Amino acid sequence: MFPRTYSTVSSCASLAIAAAIALGGCRSAGNNAAAAPDAPLSLDSLHFTASPAVEWDALFTRKSGWFGGDGIFAVTRDGKETPGAAKKSETLIWFSDTMLGEIEKDSLKAGYTMINNSVAVLQDGIPDSAHIRFYWNKENGKPASLFVPKTPATQPGDYYWLGDGFVNQEQNNNLYIFGYRIKNVSQQAFGFKEVGNTLIIVPAGAQPPFTEYRQLDIPFFLGKEVDSTGSFGAGILVNTEAAGAQHPDGYAYIYGIRGKEKKLMVARVKPADIASFDKWTFWDGAAWNADVAKIATVTDRLSNEIGVMQLADGRYALTFQTDGLGRYVGMRLGSSPVGPWGKVIELFDSSPSVSEDKDFFPYNAKVHPVLSTPDELLISYNVNSFDFFNDIKQHPNLYRPRFVKVKILP
């Protein structure tokens, strides 16, 4: 899976919130939005240290079966989204394009294959190979993807990459995952395009490989060019009391990415209504609007996949790979789930991970709240190659997530 690239579109400023901050701190982002801290905190600075999370790197450096994948989103089975929640629950981790095969003496053996998505189940949030299992489907005895598009809008040849998701405690603890319908258009690097946005619904308690799930076409940009409109599911913030939010307002905030400049747009809906698309509203820069055509973009220089969580001090941390394929794992701090967002804070230089080959690149950094602690964030990013199918033979552990610990200091 390569990061998606989109054409440039315009951006709108969040004027109402910016004015509120100037007057001494913002407690809300439009009607019923999440409360921000009473005392204004800087949105442009963060005291922190960052270092590789070697135990998490080791967990995904494997030589048999699953040996590579990108995407990587994580949720707990019980729907808790708080830092450290994985220690008290089973954690589901899903991946998009996935490599399966055998590595012997650092060489990739013949017979390896790629599927489009897979999942892992982690016990107790412990980065130890004894606590994790990887799953994929099988068709006619051969490895196959877990999720395959079968919506009314699906066309022959479409396949899924997976976005963020959450366990919906207001819908029987069903798992909701955002899907991107992808179509290959050439054999070149980046020879694909996103053609649709969907919602995948897995019944509560279902065990992988998932044999039963529902799929819905998300209607907002259906039939339009994703390059210009963007799509939803790049990240999710479940801001509910049941999920353990600090300042719950009862909404799930659903983030989308638009355009080549990787601009952020925000929708929200009550979790109980997530599949009722007429109940979604969209941040237009000043208020929540029922018209998706009025949606604003509120910041930029992000990546196609992101992570959002609220820090212990009340600020919202938006994590991403700067400029899509940039060298830095970045963060912007916000005073609410929609911002305003501060300048890019460069958390970690990922250059050493791509230094072996000129074709290597990093992408799609994101924080994983349930695997973090209140004062130490666990962030992943992916590594890929513009010459993937040649490089994967020489560097079979290339295509796996890398992890960073970011310690928040007083």
Protein backbone atom coordinates (compact mmCIF):
# COMPACT_ATOMS: atom_id res chain seq x y z
CA MET A 1 0.00 0.00 0.00
CA PHE A 2 1.37 3.36 -1.02
CA PRO A 3 0.16 6.66 0.49
CA ARG A 4 -2.56 8.28 -1.58
CA THR A 5 -1.92 11.54 -3.39
CA TYR A 6 -4.59 14.10 -4.15
CA SER A 7 -4.83 17.35 -6.06
CA THR A 8 -4.82 20.69 -4.26
CA VAL A 9 -8.02 22.32 -2.97
CA SER A 10 -8.69 25.46 -0.97
CA SER A 11 -8.70 25.81 2.83
CA CYS A 12 -10.94 27.74 5.25
CA ALA A 13 -9.80 29.21 8.58
CA SER A 14 -11.52 28.41 11.86
CA LEU A 15 -12.21 32.05 12.64
CA ALA A 16 -14.71 31.64 15.44
CA ILE A 17 -12.47 29.37 17.50
CA ALA A 18 -9.38 31.45 16.85
CA ALA A 19 -11.20 34.48 18.18
CA ALA A 20 -12.27 32.58 21.27
CA ILE A 21 -8.68 31.56 21.98
CA ALA A 22 -7.54 35.17 21.62
CA LEU A 23 -10.06 36.13 24.28
CA GLY A 24 -8.61 33.78 26.85
CA GLY A 25 -9.24 30.14 25.97
CA CYS A 26 -11.88 28.17 24.14
CA ARG A 27 -14.25 25.84 25.95
CA SER A 28 -16.10 24.60 22.90
CA ALA A 29 -15.82 24.07 19.14
CA GLY A 30 -19.26 24.98 17.94
CA ASN A 31 -22.47 23.56 19.32
CA ASN A 32 -21.83 20.96 22.02
CA ALA A 33 -18.20 20.41 21.00
CA ALA A 34 -15.67 19.07 23.48
CA ALA A 35 -14.47 21.40 26.21
CA ALA A 36 -10.88 22.62 26.21
CA PRO A 37 -8.78 23.42 29.29
CA ASP A 38 -9.68 26.53 31.31
CA ALA A 39 -6.17 27.99 31.12
CA PRO A 40 -4.81 28.60 27.62
CA LEU A 41 -1.88 26.36 26.81
CA SER A 42 0.49 26.81 23.92
CA LEU A 43 -0.57 25.18 20.69
CA ASP A 44 2.92 25.68 19.24
CA SER A 45 5.17 24.00 21.79
CA LEU A 46 5.49 20.73 23.64
CA HIS A 47 8.10 19.55 26.11
CA PHE A 48 9.01 15.99 25.18
CA THR A 49 11.64 13.39 24.43
CA ALA A 50 11.36 10.84 21.61
CA SER A 51 13.11 7.54 21.00
CA PRO A 52 12.55 4.31 19.06
CA ALA A 53 10.25 1.85 20.82
CA VAL A 54 12.51 -1.15 20.26
CA GLU A 55 10.22 -3.71 21.91
CA TRP A 56 7.37 -2.77 19.57
CA ASP A 57 9.69 -2.79 16.56
CA ALA A 58 10.76 -6.30 17.53
CA LEU A 59 7.16 -7.48 17.86
CA PHE A 60 6.52 -6.84 14.16
CA THR A 61 9.91 -8.01 12.87
CA ARG A 62 8.87 -11.53 11.90
CA LYS A 63 10.22 -14.31 9.73
CA SER A 64 7.24 -16.62 9.21
CA GLY A 65 3.64 -16.07 8.10
CA TRP A 66 2.82 -12.38 8.52
CA PHE A 67 6.07 -10.49 7.93
CA GLY A 68 4.92 -7.07 6.79
CA GLY A 69 1.97 -4.75 6.54
CA ASP A 70 1.02 -1.09 6.66
CA GLY A 71 -2.00 0.87 7.84
CA ILE A 72 -2.01 -0.33 11.47
CA PHE A 73 -4.90 0.92 13.61
CA ALA A 74 -5.63 -0.43 17.10
CA VAL A 75 -8.78 -0.57 19.27
CA THR A 76 -9.78 -2.46 22.38
CA ARG A 77 -12.59 -5.01 22.28
CA ASP A 78 -14.45 -3.23 25.09
CA GLY A 79 -14.48 0.14 23.32
CA LYS A 80 -12.33 1.99 25.83
CA GLU A 81 -10.17 4.61 24.10
CA THR A 82 -8.18 5.84 27.10
CA PRO A 83 -4.38 5.62 27.34
CA GLY A 84 -3.38 2.19 28.57
CA ALA A 85 -6.79 0.63 27.88
CA ALA A 86 -5.10 -2.26 26.05
CA LYS A 87 -3.70 -3.57 29.35
CA LYS A 88 -7.22 -4.46 30.49
CA SER A 89 -8.68 -5.77 27.24
CA GLU A 90 -8.00 -7.67 24.07
CA THR A 91 -6.76 -5.35 21.33
CA LEU A 92 -7.59 -5.66 17.64
CA ILE A 93 -4.94 -4.32 15.26
CA TRP A 94 -5.63 -4.17 11.54
CA PHE A 95 -3.41 -3.64 8.55
CA SER A 96 -3.87 -2.80 4.90
CA ASP A 97 -1.59 -4.39 2.27
CA THR A 98 0.02 -7.37 3.99
CA MET A 99 3.00 -9.59 3.14
CA LEU A 100 2.89 -13.31 3.95
CA GLY A 101 5.71 -15.79 3.51
CA GLU A 102 8.94 -17.16 4.94
CA ILE A 103 12.26 -15.44 5.60
CA GLU A 104 15.36 -17.59 5.98
CA LYS A 105 18.77 -16.11 6.81
CA ASP A 106 17.50 -12.64 5.88
CA SER A 107 16.36 -13.85 2.45
CA LEU A 108 12.76 -13.98 1.31
CA LYS A 109 11.88 -17.47 0.13
CA ALA A 110 9.86 -18.11 -3.02
CA GLY A 111 6.12 -18.43 -2.60
CA TYR A 112 5.51 -15.21 -0.67
CA THR A 113 2.33 -13.29 -1.42
CA MET A 114 0.57 -9.98 -0.78
CA ILE A 115 -3.03 -9.63 0.35
CA ASN A 116 -4.89 -6.37 0.86
CA ASN A 117 -5.71 -6.51 4.57
CA SER A 118 -5.20 -8.60 7.71
CA VAL A 119 -5.62 -8.37 11.47
CA ALA A 120 -3.76 -9.20 14.66
CA VAL A 121 -5.08 -9.81 18.17
CA LEU A 122 -2.91 -8.59 21.05
CA GLN A 123 -3.41 -9.68 24.64
CA ASP A 124 -2.89 -7.33 27.62
CA GLY A 125 -1.16 -4.65 25.54
CA ILE A 126 2.17 -6.44 25.94
CA PRO A 127 4.70 -6.21 23.07
CA ASP A 128 5.74 -9.84 23.22
CA SER A 129 5.39 -12.45 20.47
CA ALA A 130 3.67 -14.81 22.92
CA HIS A 131 0.83 -12.26 23.26
CA ILE A 132 -0.01 -11.66 19.60
CA ARG A 133 -1.59 -13.68 16.79
CA PHE A 134 -2.04 -12.70 13.13
CA TYR A 135 -5.02 -13.66 10.98
CA TRP A 136 -6.05 -13.57 7.34
CA ASN A 137 -8.58 -15.37 5.19
CA LYS A 138 -8.12 -18.34 2.87
CA GLU A 139 -9.72 -19.10 -0.48
CA ASN A 140 -9.10 -22.42 -2.14
CA GLY A 141 -6.30 -23.03 0.32
CA LYS A 142 -4.51 -19.77 -0.53
CA PRO A 143 -4.13 -16.63 1.61
CA ALA A 144 -6.80 -14.01 0.99
CA SER A 145 -7.86 -10.64 2.36
CA LEU A 146 -10.23 -10.45 5.34
CA PHE A 147 -12.41 -7.69 3.88
CA VAL A 148 -13.46 -7.53 0.21
CA PRO A 149 -15.68 -4.76 -1.24
CA LYS A 150 -19.23 -5.87 -2.04
CA THR A 151 -21.23 -2.63 -1.80
CA PRO A 152 -23.64 -1.46 -4.51
CA ALA A 153 -21.01 0.97 -5.80
CA THR A 154 -18.25 -1.65 -5.97
CA GLN A 155 -16.80 -2.33 -9.41
CA PRO A 156 -14.83 -5.39 -10.61
CA GLY A 157 -11.21 -5.22 -9.46
CA ASP A 158 -11.87 -3.00 -6.42
CA TYR A 159 -10.16 -3.94 -3.19
CA TYR A 160 -9.93 -2.51 0.32
CA TRP A 161 -7.41 -0.51 2.21
CA LEU A 162 -8.59 0.12 5.74
CA GLY A 163 -8.90 3.36 7.66
CA ASP A 164 -9.49 3.97 11.35
CA GLY A 165 -12.34 2.44 13.31
CA PHE A 166 -13.85 2.00 16.76
CA VAL A 167 -15.87 -0.41 18.87
CA ASN A 168 -19.29 1.20 19.05
CA GLN A 169 -20.66 0.83 22.56
CA GLU A 170 -23.95 2.38 21.44
CA GLN A 171 -24.36 -0.30 18.78
CA ASN A 172 -23.93 -3.52 20.74
CA ASN A 173 -20.12 -3.21 20.71
CA ASN A 174 -19.99 -3.84 16.97
CA LEU A 175 -16.70 -2.92 15.32
CA TYR A 176 -16.93 -0.12 12.72
CA ILE A 177 -14.00 0.26 10.30
CA PHE A 178 -13.73 2.80 7.49
CA GLY A 179 -12.81 1.28 4.17
CA TYR A 180 -11.30 2.79 1.03
CA ARG A 181 -12.17 1.13 -2.25
CA ILE A 182 -9.00 1.05 -4.34
CA LYS A 183 -8.52 0.25 -8.02
CA ASN A 184 -5.22 -0.42 -9.79
CA VAL A 185 -4.73 1.72 -12.89
CA SER A 186 -1.13 0.88 -13.90
CA GLN A 187 1.89 -1.24 -12.97
CA GLN A 188 3.91 1.79 -11.91
CA ALA A 189 4.57 3.00 -8.35
CA PHE A 190 1.44 4.81 -7.17
CA GLY A 191 -0.41 3.04 -9.99
CA PHE A 192 -3.74 3.04 -8.17
CA LYS A 193 -6.56 5.36 -7.24
CA GLU A 194 -9.15 5.57 -4.49
CA VAL A 195 -12.63 5.25 -5.94
CA GLY A 196 -14.93 5.07 -2.93
CA ASN A 197 -15.39 5.33 0.82
CA THR A 198 -17.27 2.72 2.87
CA LEU A 199 -18.18 1.66 6.39
CA ILE A 200 -17.50 -1.96 7.39
CA ILE A 201 -19.50 -3.34 10.35
CA VAL A 202 -18.23 -6.44 12.17
CA PRO A 203 -20.57 -8.04 14.72
CA ALA A 204 -19.59 -7.75 18.38
CA GLY A 205 -17.40 -10.60 19.57
CA ALA A 206 -16.70 -11.91 16.07
CA GLN A 207 -13.37 -13.69 15.84
CA PRO A 208 -10.96 -13.41 12.94
CA PRO A 209 -10.97 -14.34 10.19
CA PHE A 210 -14.28 -12.49 10.06
CA THR A 211 -16.77 -14.42 7.97
CA GLU A 212 -19.77 -12.13 8.53
CA TYR A 213 -19.74 -8.37 8.17
CA ARG A 214 -21.86 -5.66 6.58
CA GLN A 215 -20.68 -2.91 4.24
CA LEU A 216 -22.21 0.46 3.45
CA ASP A 217 -21.26 2.98 0.80
CA ILE A 218 -20.62 6.36 2.44
CA PRO A 219 -22.70 8.70 0.27
CA PHE A 220 -21.12 12.12 0.79
CA PHE A 221 -18.67 12.12 -2.12
CA LEU A 222 -20.00 9.04 -3.91
CA GLY A 223 -19.41 9.24 -7.65
CA LYS A 224 -17.03 12.19 -7.33
CA GLU A 225 -13.28 12.21 -7.83
CA VAL A 226 -11.63 11.41 -4.50
CA ASP A 227 -8.57 13.34 -5.68
CA SER A 228 -10.53 16.57 -5.25
CA THR A 229 -13.09 15.73 -2.56
CA GLY A 230 -11.07 13.52 -0.21
CA SER A 231 -12.69 10.87 2.01
CA PHE A 232 -13.37 10.05 5.66
CA GLY A 233 -11.77 7.66 8.13
CA ALA A 234 -8.15 8.84 8.28
CA GLY A 235 -8.57 9.07 12.06
CA ILE A 236 -11.32 8.94 14.68
CA LEU A 237 -11.74 10.50 18.12
CA VAL A 238 -14.51 8.86 20.17
CA ASN A 239 -15.44 11.63 22.57
CA THR A 240 -17.94 9.78 24.74
CA GLU A 241 -18.19 9.00 28.43
CA ALA A 242 -18.28 5.27 27.71
CA ALA A 243 -15.01 5.52 25.76
CA GLY A 244 -13.41 7.33 28.71
CA ALA A 245 -13.07 10.82 27.22
CA GLN A 246 -11.95 13.65 29.53
CA HIS A 247 -14.58 16.09 28.30
CA PRO A 248 -17.24 13.91 26.65
CA ASP A 249 -19.82 15.50 24.42
CA GLY A 250 -21.24 12.23 23.09
CA TYR A 251 -19.85 12.48 19.56
CA ALA A 252 -17.47 10.50 17.40
CA TYR A 253 -15.25 12.90 15.44
CA ILE A 254 -14.36 11.47 12.05
CA TYR A 255 -11.41 12.97 10.23
CA GLY A 256 -10.79 13.06 6.50
CA ILE A 257 -7.91 14.12 4.30
CA ARG A 258 -8.32 16.22 1.18
CA GLY A 259 -5.92 17.25 -1.56
CA LYS A 260 -2.22 17.09 -2.31
CA GLU A 261 -1.50 19.39 0.63
CA LYS A 262 -3.06 16.79 2.98
CA LYS A 263 -5.67 19.11 4.47
CA LEU A 264 -7.87 18.06 7.37
CA MET A 265 -11.66 18.05 7.35
CA VAL A 266 -13.88 17.01 10.26
CA ALA A 267 -17.30 15.38 10.55
CA ARG A 268 -19.09 14.24 13.67
CA VAL A 269 -22.01 12.02 14.60
CA LYS A 270 -23.39 10.31 17.69
CA PRO A 271 -22.06 6.72 17.68
CA ALA A 272 -25.59 5.35 17.77
CA ASP A 273 -26.29 7.16 14.48
CA ILE A 274 -23.07 6.49 12.61
CA ALA A 275 -24.78 4.47 9.87
CA SER A 276 -27.54 7.11 9.53
CA PHE A 277 -25.64 9.37 7.19
CA ASP A 278 -28.33 12.05 7.26
CA LYS A 279 -27.43 12.64 10.92
CA TRP A 280 -23.77 13.48 10.26
CA THR A 281 -22.70 17.12 10.43
CA PHE A 282 -19.58 18.80 9.11
CA TRP A 283 -17.36 21.55 10.50
CA ASP A 284 -17.62 24.54 8.13
CA GLY A 285 -15.02 26.68 9.89
CA ALA A 286 -17.43 28.30 12.34
CA ALA A 287 -20.20 25.81 13.17
CA TRP A 288 -21.53 22.33 12.48
CA ASN A 289 -23.37 22.18 9.17
CA ALA A 290 -25.62 19.46 7.74
CA ASP A 291 -24.40 20.24 4.21
CA VAL A 292 -21.20 18.34 3.37
CA ALA A 293 -20.53 20.80 0.57
CA LYS A 294 -19.89 23.44 3.25
CA ILE A 295 -17.15 21.43 4.99
CA ALA A 296 -13.97 23.38 5.70
CA THR A 297 -10.37 22.23 5.79
CA VAL A 298 -8.83 23.25 9.10
CA THR A 299 -5.10 22.48 8.80
CA ASP A 300 -2.66 20.90 6.36
CA ARG A 301 0.70 19.14 5.80
CA LEU A 302 -0.68 15.90 7.23
CA SER A 303 -0.69 12.32 5.91
CA ASN A 304 -3.42 10.05 4.58
CA GLU A 305 -3.60 8.30 7.94
CA ILE A 306 -3.45 10.19 11.23
CA GLY A 307 -4.04 9.75 14.95
CA VAL A 308 -5.91 12.05 17.34
CA MET A 309 -6.02 11.86 21.13
CA GLN A 310 -6.46 14.23 24.04
CA LEU A 311 -3.40 14.75 26.21
CA ALA A 312 -3.55 14.76 29.99
CA ASP A 313 -3.32 18.58 29.98
CA GLY A 314 -6.45 18.85 27.82
CA ARG A 315 -4.83 19.71 24.50
CA TYR A 316 -5.66 17.56 21.48
CA ALA A 317 -2.70 15.91 19.76
CA LEU A 318 -2.94 15.35 16.01
CA THR A 319 -0.13 13.05 14.81
CA PHE A 320 0.93 12.39 11.23
CA GLN A 321 3.82 12.01 8.80
CA THR A 322 4.70 15.58 7.89
CA ASP A 323 3.84 16.44 4.28
CA GLY A 324 2.67 12.92 3.54
CA LEU A 325 6.11 11.43 2.87
CA GLY A 326 8.27 13.81 4.91
CA ARG A 327 11.11 12.71 7.15
CA TYR A 328 9.47 13.84 10.40
CA VAL A 329 6.78 12.29 12.52
CA GLY A 330 4.81 15.44 13.26
CA MET A 331 2.23 16.75 15.69
CA ARG A 332 -0.12 19.69 15.76
CA LEU A 333 -1.76 20.67 19.03
CA GLY A 334 -5.36 21.83 19.15
CA SER A 335 -7.72 23.32 21.72
CA SER A 336 -10.68 21.22 20.54
CA PRO A 337 -11.34 18.28 18.24
CA VAL A 338 -11.57 20.70 15.31
CA GLY A 339 -8.76 23.05 16.35
CA PRO A 340 -7.53 25.62 15.85
CA TRP A 341 -4.28 23.74 15.34
CA GLY A 342 -0.82 25.03 16.14
CA LYS A 343 2.28 24.83 14.02
CA VAL A 344 3.93 21.53 13.11
CA ILE A 345 6.03 20.14 15.97
CA GLU A 346 8.68 17.74 14.65
CA LEU A 347 8.63 14.82 17.07
CA PHE A 348 10.98 12.31 15.47
CA ASP A 349 13.30 12.13 12.47
CA SER A 350 12.51 8.87 10.64
CA SER A 351 15.41 9.26 8.16
CA PRO A 352 17.52 6.43 9.64
CA SER A 353 14.72 3.97 8.83
CA VAL A 354 14.91 4.80 5.12
CA SER A 355 18.65 5.38 4.75
CA GLU A 356 19.50 1.97 3.25
CA ASP A 357 18.05 2.71 -0.18
CA LYS A 358 17.20 5.84 -2.13
CA ASP A 359 13.77 4.40 -2.95
CA PHE A 360 12.67 3.97 0.68
CA PHE A 361 10.22 6.42 2.22
CA PRO A 362 8.26 6.84 5.50
CA TYR A 363 4.53 7.55 5.72
CA ASN A 364 1.29 7.49 7.73
CA ALA A 365 2.50 8.13 11.28
CA LYS A 366 -0.18 8.01 13.96
CA VAL A 367 -0.58 7.76 17.72
CA HIS A 368 -2.20 4.69 19.28
CA PRO A 369 -3.97 5.91 22.45
CA VAL A 370 -4.90 2.48 23.83
CA LEU A 371 -1.24 1.39 23.63
CA SER A 372 0.03 4.66 25.14
CA THR A 373 0.07 6.01 28.70
CA PRO A 374 -1.07 9.47 29.77
CA ASP A 375 2.51 10.78 29.64
CA GLU A 376 4.09 8.51 27.00
CA LEU A 377 2.64 8.23 23.51
CA LEU A 378 3.19 5.20 21.30
CA ILE A 379 3.36 6.29 17.67
CA SER A 380 3.84 4.13 14.59
CA TYR A 381 4.90 4.96 11.06
CA ASN A 382 5.30 2.82 7.97
CA VAL A 383 8.19 2.32 5.54
CA ASN A 384 7.81 1.47 1.86
CA SER A 385 9.79 1.62 -1.38
CA PHE A 386 9.17 3.13 -4.80
CA ASP A 387 10.72 -0.10 -6.15
CA PHE A 388 8.80 -2.32 -3.77
CA PHE A 389 8.76 -5.75 -5.42
CA ASN A 390 12.49 -5.70 -6.04
CA ASP A 391 13.44 -4.20 -2.70
CA ILE A 392 11.26 -6.52 -0.62
CA LYS A 393 13.37 -9.46 -1.83
CA GLN A 394 16.58 -7.82 -0.63
CA HIS A 395 15.07 -6.24 2.50
CA PRO A 396 12.27 -8.62 3.53
CA ASN A 397 11.59 -6.81 6.81
CA LEU A 398 11.31 -3.45 5.06
CA TYR A 399 7.51 -3.36 4.98
CA ARG A 400 6.54 -3.26 8.64
CA PRO A 401 5.55 -0.59 11.13
CA ARG A 402 8.22 1.25 13.10
CA PHE A 403 7.44 2.63 16.54
CA VAL A 404 8.38 5.71 18.53
CA LYS A 405 7.86 6.56 22.21
CA VAL A 406 7.19 10.23 22.88
CA LYS A 407 7.52 11.11 26.56
CA ILE A 408 5.53 14.21 27.54
CA LEU A 409 7.49 16.31 30.03
CA PRO A 410 6.15 18.90 32.51
